[in-house]
Amino acid sequence: MTTLSIPVSAYILQFTDRCEKLANTKLEDAPSVEVRNQKVQNMLDEFYMFTGKLPKADALKFLADYILITDLKNKDVDKVSNEDFPILSEIQMKRRLRKQRMMKDDILDYLHNKVNKQLDSLFRTTISQPEY
């Protein structure tokens, strides 16, 4: 192991900050996937060489976000139907869960009306037509 001129705890914080800066890279400035993978691998090797252990979860999440930057910053609304293996960002996951929750509420409301109130599926009322 190589010795550090700064304490290990300070290096870990500095490493996490570097990972966060990478994760916040703009899509236009992002290099190819191979270059990103190599950069992350070099950073992990450096971290292990200095500390003797693997980075904490938050730093690893930032590095994973950096590798997947093209997928996570893709704002396509129909990403799930357009791609074979879609990776949704946190905002897209929240939107998806909100839509699913709304659909569940509608289904539960429909079932409540159907079973408990004994209303037909279209909640129609029949109007008798006068005969001539």
N, C-alpha and C. Protein backbone atom coordinates (compact mmCIF):
# COMPACT_ATOMS: atom_id res chain seq x y z
N MET A 1 0.83 -1.19 0.00
CA MET A 1 0.00 0.00 0.00
C MET A 1 0.87 1.25 0.00
N THR A 2 0.45 2.22 -0.75
CA THR A 2 1.15 3.49 -0.82
C THR A 2 0.70 4.38 0.33
N THR A 3 1.63 5.14 0.88
CA THR A 3 1.26 6.03 1.98
C THR A 3 0.67 7.33 1.43
N LEU A 4 -0.20 7.90 2.23
CA LEU A 4 -0.87 9.15 1.85
C LEU A 4 -0.27 10.32 2.62
N SER A 5 -0.27 11.48 2.02
CA SER A 5 0.17 12.69 2.72
C SER A 5 -0.98 13.31 3.51
N ILE A 6 -2.21 12.86 3.25
CA ILE A 6 -3.39 13.33 3.98
C ILE A 6 -3.99 12.15 4.73
N PRO A 7 -4.77 12.40 5.77
CA PRO A 7 -5.42 11.29 6.49
C PRO A 7 -6.37 10.52 5.58
N VAL A 8 -6.56 9.25 5.91
CA VAL A 8 -7.43 8.38 5.10
C VAL A 8 -8.86 8.92 5.06
N SER A 9 -9.35 9.42 6.18
CA SER A 9 -10.73 9.94 6.21
C SER A 9 -10.89 11.13 5.27
N ALA A 10 -9.87 11.99 5.21
CA ALA A 10 -9.93 13.12 4.29
C ALA A 10 -9.87 12.64 2.84
N TYR A 11 -9.07 11.60 2.58
CA TYR A 11 -8.99 11.05 1.22
C TYR A 11 -10.33 10.45 0.80
N ILE A 12 -11.00 9.77 1.73
CA ILE A 12 -12.30 9.16 1.42
C ILE A 12 -13.32 10.25 1.07
N LEU A 13 -13.34 11.34 1.82
CA LEU A 13 -14.25 12.45 1.51
C LEU A 13 -13.91 13.09 0.17
N GLN A 14 -12.62 13.25 -0.08
CA GLN A 14 -12.17 13.82 -1.36
C GLN A 14 -12.56 12.90 -2.52
N PHE A 15 -12.42 11.60 -2.31
CA PHE A 15 -12.78 10.62 -3.34
C PHE A 15 -14.28 10.69 -3.63
N THR A 16 -15.09 10.78 -2.59
CA THR A 16 -16.54 10.87 -2.77
C THR A 16 -16.92 12.14 -3.52
N ASP A 17 -16.25 13.24 -3.22
CA ASP A 17 -16.50 14.49 -3.95
C ASP A 17 -16.13 14.36 -5.42
N ARG A 18 -15.02 13.70 -5.71
CA ARG A 18 -14.63 13.48 -7.11
C ARG A 18 -15.65 12.62 -7.83
N CYS A 19 -16.17 11.60 -7.14
CA CYS A 19 -17.19 10.72 -7.73
C CYS A 19 -18.47 11.51 -8.02
N GLU A 20 -18.85 12.39 -7.10
CA GLU A 20 -20.06 13.19 -7.29
C GLU A 20 -19.90 14.14 -8.48
N LYS A 21 -18.72 14.72 -8.63
CA LYS A 21 -18.47 15.59 -9.79
C LYS A 21 -18.59 14.81 -11.09
N LEU A 22 -18.09 13.58 -11.09
CA LEU A 22 -18.22 12.75 -12.30
C LEU A 22 -19.68 12.46 -12.60
N ALA A 23 -20.46 12.15 -11.57
CA ALA A 23 -21.88 11.82 -11.77
C ALA A 23 -22.66 13.02 -12.30
N ASN A 24 -22.20 14.23 -12.00
CA ASN A 24 -22.89 15.44 -12.45
C ASN A 24 -22.37 15.94 -13.79
N THR A 25 -21.62 15.12 -14.50
CA THR A 25 -21.11 15.49 -15.81
C THR A 25 -22.27 15.70 -16.77
N LYS A 26 -22.16 16.71 -17.60
CA LYS A 26 -23.19 16.95 -18.61
C LYS A 26 -23.11 15.87 -19.68
N LEU A 27 -24.23 15.57 -20.26
CA LEU A 27 -24.30 14.52 -21.27
C LEU A 27 -23.42 14.84 -22.47
N GLU A 28 -23.36 16.10 -22.86
CA GLU A 28 -22.54 16.48 -24.02
C GLU A 28 -21.05 16.29 -23.75
N ASP A 29 -20.66 16.43 -22.48
CA ASP A 29 -19.25 16.34 -22.12
C ASP A 29 -18.82 14.92 -21.78
N ALA A 30 -19.74 13.99 -21.76
CA ALA A 30 -19.42 12.62 -21.34
C ALA A 30 -18.65 11.89 -22.44
N PRO A 31 -17.56 11.21 -22.08
CA PRO A 31 -16.83 10.41 -23.07
C PRO A 31 -17.58 9.11 -23.37
N SER A 32 -16.99 8.27 -24.18
CA SER A 32 -17.63 7.00 -24.54
C SER A 32 -17.70 6.08 -23.32
N VAL A 33 -18.50 5.04 -23.43
CA VAL A 33 -18.69 4.10 -22.33
C VAL A 33 -17.37 3.44 -21.94
N GLU A 34 -16.56 3.07 -22.93
CA GLU A 34 -15.29 2.42 -22.64
C GLU A 34 -14.38 3.33 -21.83
N VAL A 35 -14.33 4.60 -22.19
CA VAL A 35 -13.49 5.56 -21.46
C VAL A 35 -14.01 5.75 -20.04
N ARG A 36 -15.34 5.82 -19.90
CA ARG A 36 -15.93 5.97 -18.56
C ARG A 36 -15.63 4.74 -17.70
N ASN A 37 -15.77 3.55 -18.28
CA ASN A 37 -15.47 2.33 -17.53
C ASN A 37 -14.02 2.31 -17.08
N GLN A 38 -13.11 2.67 -17.97
CA GLN A 38 -11.69 2.66 -17.63
C GLN A 38 -11.38 3.68 -16.53
N LYS A 39 -11.99 4.85 -16.61
CA LYS A 39 -11.77 5.89 -15.60
C LYS A 39 -12.26 5.42 -14.23
N VAL A 40 -13.44 4.81 -14.20
CA VAL A 40 -13.98 4.31 -12.93
C VAL A 40 -13.10 3.20 -12.38
N GLN A 41 -12.65 2.30 -13.25
CA GLN A 41 -11.77 1.21 -12.80
C GLN A 41 -10.48 1.76 -12.22
N ASN A 42 -9.89 2.76 -12.86
CA ASN A 42 -8.66 3.37 -12.35
C ASN A 42 -8.89 4.04 -10.99
N MET A 43 -10.04 4.71 -10.85
CA MET A 43 -10.34 5.36 -9.57
C MET A 43 -10.53 4.32 -8.46
N LEU A 44 -11.21 3.22 -8.77
CA LEU A 44 -11.41 2.17 -7.76
C LEU A 44 -10.09 1.52 -7.38
N ASP A 45 -9.23 1.28 -8.36
CA ASP A 45 -7.92 0.70 -8.07
C ASP A 45 -7.10 1.64 -7.19
N GLU A 46 -7.13 2.93 -7.50
CA GLU A 46 -6.41 3.92 -6.70
C GLU A 46 -6.93 3.94 -5.27
N PHE A 47 -8.26 3.93 -5.12
CA PHE A 47 -8.86 3.96 -3.79
C PHE A 47 -8.44 2.73 -2.98
N TYR A 48 -8.50 1.56 -3.62
CA TYR A 48 -8.14 0.33 -2.92
C TYR A 48 -6.65 0.33 -2.56
N MET A 49 -5.83 0.87 -3.44
CA MET A 49 -4.40 0.91 -3.18
C MET A 49 -4.10 1.80 -1.97
N PHE A 50 -4.79 2.92 -1.83
CA PHE A 50 -4.53 3.84 -0.72
C PHE A 50 -5.18 3.40 0.58
N THR A 51 -6.38 2.83 0.52
CA THR A 51 -7.11 2.53 1.76
C THR A 51 -7.13 1.05 2.11
N GLY A 52 -6.99 0.18 1.14
CA GLY A 52 -7.06 -1.26 1.41
C GLY A 52 -8.47 -1.79 1.49
N LYS A 53 -9.46 -0.98 1.16
CA LYS A 53 -10.85 -1.43 1.17
C LYS A 53 -11.60 -0.77 0.02
N LEU A 54 -12.83 -1.19 -0.17
CA LEU A 54 -13.65 -0.64 -1.26
C LEU A 54 -14.37 0.63 -0.79
N PRO A 55 -14.74 1.50 -1.72
CA PRO A 55 -15.46 2.73 -1.34
C PRO A 55 -16.83 2.44 -0.74
N LYS A 56 -17.37 3.44 -0.08
CA LYS A 56 -18.70 3.31 0.51
C LYS A 56 -19.76 3.38 -0.57
N ALA A 57 -20.98 3.06 -0.18
CA ALA A 57 -22.09 2.93 -1.14
C ALA A 57 -22.39 4.22 -1.89
N ASP A 58 -22.31 5.36 -1.22
CA ASP A 58 -22.64 6.60 -1.92
C ASP A 58 -21.65 6.91 -3.04
N ALA A 59 -20.36 6.64 -2.81
CA ALA A 59 -19.37 6.85 -3.86
C ALA A 59 -19.59 5.87 -5.01
N LEU A 60 -19.92 4.62 -4.69
CA LEU A 60 -20.17 3.63 -5.74
C LEU A 60 -21.41 3.99 -6.55
N LYS A 61 -22.42 4.56 -5.89
CA LYS A 61 -23.62 4.99 -6.63
C LYS A 61 -23.28 6.10 -7.60
N PHE A 62 -22.46 7.05 -7.17
CA PHE A 62 -22.04 8.13 -8.07
C PHE A 62 -21.26 7.58 -9.26
N LEU A 63 -20.39 6.61 -9.02
CA LEU A 63 -19.61 6.02 -10.12
C LEU A 63 -20.52 5.26 -11.08
N ALA A 64 -21.50 4.55 -10.54
CA ALA A 64 -22.45 3.83 -11.40
C ALA A 64 -23.28 4.80 -12.23
N ASP A 65 -23.69 5.91 -11.62
CA ASP A 65 -24.42 6.94 -12.37
C ASP A 65 -23.57 7.52 -13.49
N TYR A 66 -22.28 7.66 -13.23
CA TYR A 66 -21.37 8.19 -14.26
C TYR A 66 -21.28 7.22 -15.43
N ILE A 67 -21.16 5.94 -15.14
CA ILE A 67 -21.07 4.95 -16.22
C ILE A 67 -22.37 4.92 -17.03
N LEU A 68 -23.50 5.02 -16.36
CA LEU A 68 -24.81 4.92 -17.02
C LEU A 68 -25.39 6.28 -17.40
N ILE A 69 -24.55 7.29 -17.52
CA ILE A 69 -25.02 8.66 -17.73
C ILE A 69 -25.89 8.80 -18.98
N THR A 70 -25.56 8.09 -20.05
CA THR A 70 -26.35 8.23 -21.28
C THR A 70 -27.76 7.66 -21.10
N ASP A 71 -27.89 6.59 -20.31
CA ASP A 71 -29.21 6.02 -20.07
C ASP A 71 -30.01 6.83 -19.06
N LEU A 72 -29.34 7.29 -18.02
CA LEU A 72 -30.05 8.02 -16.97
C LEU A 72 -30.49 9.41 -17.42
N LYS A 73 -29.74 10.04 -18.30
CA LYS A 73 -30.11 11.39 -18.75
C LYS A 73 -30.94 11.37 -20.02
N ASN A 74 -31.34 10.20 -20.48
CA ASN A 74 -32.24 10.08 -21.62
C ASN A 74 -33.65 10.42 -21.12
N LYS A 75 -34.24 11.48 -21.64
CA LYS A 75 -35.54 11.96 -21.15
C LYS A 75 -36.72 11.42 -21.94
N ASP A 76 -36.52 10.36 -22.70
CA ASP A 76 -37.59 9.77 -23.49
C ASP A 76 -38.69 9.27 -22.56
N VAL A 77 -39.91 9.73 -22.78
CA VAL A 77 -41.03 9.35 -21.93
C VAL A 77 -41.39 7.88 -22.14
N ASP A 78 -41.23 7.37 -23.36
CA ASP A 78 -41.55 5.98 -23.66
C ASP A 78 -40.31 5.09 -23.65
N LYS A 79 -39.42 5.34 -22.73
CA LYS A 79 -38.17 4.59 -22.67
C LYS A 79 -38.42 3.10 -22.46
N VAL A 80 -39.39 2.76 -21.64
CA VAL A 80 -39.65 1.36 -21.33
C VAL A 80 -40.14 0.61 -22.56
N SER A 81 -40.98 1.22 -23.36
CA SER A 81 -41.50 0.54 -24.54
C SER A 81 -40.55 0.62 -25.73
N ASN A 82 -39.66 1.62 -25.75
CA ASN A 82 -38.75 1.79 -26.89
C ASN A 82 -37.44 1.02 -26.77
N GLU A 83 -37.02 0.67 -25.56
CA GLU A 83 -35.73 0.03 -25.37
C GLU A 83 -35.93 -1.38 -24.82
N ASP A 84 -34.94 -2.24 -25.13
CA ASP A 84 -35.01 -3.61 -24.63
C ASP A 84 -34.76 -3.68 -23.13
N PHE A 85 -33.75 -2.97 -22.66
CA PHE A 85 -33.40 -2.98 -21.25
C PHE A 85 -33.32 -1.54 -20.73
N PRO A 86 -34.46 -0.93 -20.43
CA PRO A 86 -34.44 0.47 -20.02
C PRO A 86 -33.91 0.63 -18.59
N ILE A 87 -33.18 1.70 -18.38
CA ILE A 87 -32.72 2.07 -17.05
C ILE A 87 -33.32 3.43 -16.76
N LEU A 88 -34.18 3.48 -15.76
CA LEU A 88 -34.90 4.71 -15.45
C LEU A 88 -34.15 5.52 -14.40
N SER A 89 -34.18 6.83 -14.55
CA SER A 89 -33.60 7.71 -13.53
C SER A 89 -34.57 7.77 -12.35
N GLU A 90 -34.12 8.40 -11.26
CA GLU A 90 -34.97 8.50 -10.08
C GLU A 90 -36.26 9.27 -10.37
N ILE A 91 -36.15 10.33 -11.15
CA ILE A 91 -37.33 11.13 -11.49
C ILE A 91 -38.30 10.31 -12.34
N GLN A 92 -37.77 9.54 -13.29
CA GLN A 92 -38.63 8.71 -14.13
C GLN A 92 -39.29 7.60 -13.31
N MET A 93 -38.57 7.06 -12.32
CA MET A 93 -39.17 6.04 -11.45
C MET A 93 -40.31 6.63 -10.62
N LYS A 94 -40.10 7.85 -10.10
CA LYS A 94 -41.16 8.49 -9.31
C LYS A 94 -42.39 8.74 -10.17
N ARG A 95 -42.17 9.19 -11.41
CA ARG A 95 -43.29 9.44 -12.32
C ARG A 95 -44.03 8.14 -12.61
N ARG A 96 -43.29 7.07 -12.84
CA ARG A 96 -43.89 5.78 -13.15
C ARG A 96 -44.71 5.26 -11.96
N LEU A 97 -44.15 5.36 -10.76
CA LEU A 97 -44.86 4.90 -9.57
C LEU A 97 -46.11 5.74 -9.31
N ARG A 98 -46.02 7.04 -9.57
CA ARG A 98 -47.18 7.91 -9.39
C ARG A 98 -48.31 7.52 -10.34
N LYS A 99 -47.96 7.21 -11.59
CA LYS A 99 -48.97 6.78 -12.56
C LYS A 99 -49.58 5.44 -12.16
N GLN A 100 -48.73 4.52 -11.68
CA GLN A 100 -49.25 3.22 -11.26
C GLN A 100 -50.18 3.37 -10.07
N ARG A 101 -49.82 4.25 -9.14
CA ARG A 101 -50.66 4.48 -7.98
C ARG A 101 -52.01 5.05 -8.40
N MET A 102 -52.01 5.96 -9.36
CA MET A 102 -53.26 6.54 -9.84
C MET A 102 -54.13 5.46 -10.49
N MET A 103 -53.53 4.56 -11.24
CA MET A 103 -54.29 3.49 -11.87
C MET A 103 -54.87 2.56 -10.82
N LYS A 104 -54.10 2.26 -9.77
CA LYS A 104 -54.61 1.39 -8.71
C LYS A 104 -55.81 2.05 -8.03
N ASP A 105 -55.73 3.35 -7.79
CA ASP A 105 -56.85 4.06 -7.18
C ASP A 105 -58.09 3.98 -8.05
N ASP A 106 -57.93 4.15 -9.35
CA ASP A 106 -59.07 4.06 -10.27
C ASP A 106 -59.66 2.66 -10.26
N ILE A 107 -58.81 1.64 -10.24
CA ILE A 107 -59.30 0.26 -10.23
C ILE A 107 -60.03 -0.03 -8.93
N LEU A 108 -59.47 0.42 -7.80
CA LEU A 108 -60.12 0.20 -6.52
C LEU A 108 -61.46 0.93 -6.45
N ASP A 109 -61.52 2.13 -7.00
CA ASP A 109 -62.76 2.89 -7.02
C ASP A 109 -63.80 2.16 -7.87
N TYR A 110 -63.37 1.63 -9.01
CA TYR A 110 -64.27 0.87 -9.88
C TYR A 110 -64.81 -0.35 -9.14
N LEU A 111 -63.91 -1.09 -8.47
CA LEU A 111 -64.33 -2.29 -7.75
C LEU A 111 -65.26 -1.94 -6.60
N HIS A 112 -64.98 -0.85 -5.91
CA HIS A 112 -65.84 -0.42 -4.81
C HIS A 112 -67.25 -0.11 -5.33
N ASN A 113 -67.34 0.62 -6.43
CA ASN A 113 -68.65 0.93 -7.00
C ASN A 113 -69.36 -0.32 -7.49
N LYS A 114 -68.63 -1.22 -8.07
CA LYS A 114 -69.22 -2.43 -8.65
C LYS A 114 -69.74 -3.36 -7.56
N VAL A 115 -68.92 -3.61 -6.54
CA VAL A 115 -69.27 -4.61 -5.53
C VAL A 115 -70.13 -4.02 -4.42
N ASN A 116 -69.69 -2.96 -3.80
CA ASN A 116 -70.39 -2.44 -2.63
C ASN A 116 -71.64 -1.64 -2.98
N LYS A 117 -71.56 -0.82 -3.98
CA LYS A 117 -72.72 0.00 -4.35
C LYS A 117 -73.59 -0.68 -5.39
N GLN A 118 -73.13 -1.80 -5.89
CA GLN A 118 -73.84 -2.61 -6.88
C GLN A 118 -74.28 -1.77 -8.09
N LEU A 119 -73.32 -0.99 -8.59
CA LEU A 119 -73.56 -0.21 -9.79
C LEU A 119 -72.96 -0.95 -10.97
N ASP A 120 -73.56 -0.80 -12.14
CA ASP A 120 -72.98 -1.48 -13.29
C ASP A 120 -71.69 -0.76 -13.70
N SER A 121 -70.98 -1.37 -14.63
CA SER A 121 -69.63 -0.91 -14.95
C SER A 121 -69.59 0.50 -15.54
N LEU A 122 -70.64 0.93 -16.19
CA LEU A 122 -70.63 2.26 -16.79
C LEU A 122 -71.41 3.27 -15.96
N PHE A 123 -71.98 2.81 -14.84
CA PHE A 123 -72.74 3.68 -13.95
C PHE A 123 -73.79 4.45 -14.74
N ARG A 124 -74.54 3.69 -15.52
CA ARG A 124 -75.59 4.30 -16.34
C ARG A 124 -76.92 4.23 -15.62
N THR A 125 -77.71 5.20 -15.89
CA THR A 125 -79.09 5.14 -15.43
C THR A 125 -79.96 5.08 -16.67
N THR A 126 -80.92 4.23 -16.63
CA THR A 126 -81.78 4.07 -17.80
C THR A 126 -82.94 5.04 -17.70
N ILE A 127 -83.23 5.63 -18.80
CA ILE A 127 -84.36 6.56 -18.88
C ILE A 127 -85.42 5.88 -19.74
N SER A 128 -86.57 5.77 -19.16
CA SER A 128 -87.63 5.11 -19.92
C SER A 128 -88.15 6.06 -21.00
N GLN A 129 -88.25 5.53 -22.17
CA GLN A 129 -88.74 6.30 -23.32
C GLN A 129 -90.27 6.18 -23.36
N PRO A 130 -90.94 7.30 -23.55
CA PRO A 130 -92.41 7.20 -23.67
C PRO A 130 -92.77 6.52 -24.98
N GLU A 131 -93.78 5.70 -24.90
CA GLU A 131 -94.23 5.02 -26.11
C GLU A 131 -95.27 5.87 -26.80
N TYR A 132 -95.26 5.87 -28.10
CA TYR A 132 -96.22 6.66 -28.88
C TYR A 132 -97.34 5.83 -29.34
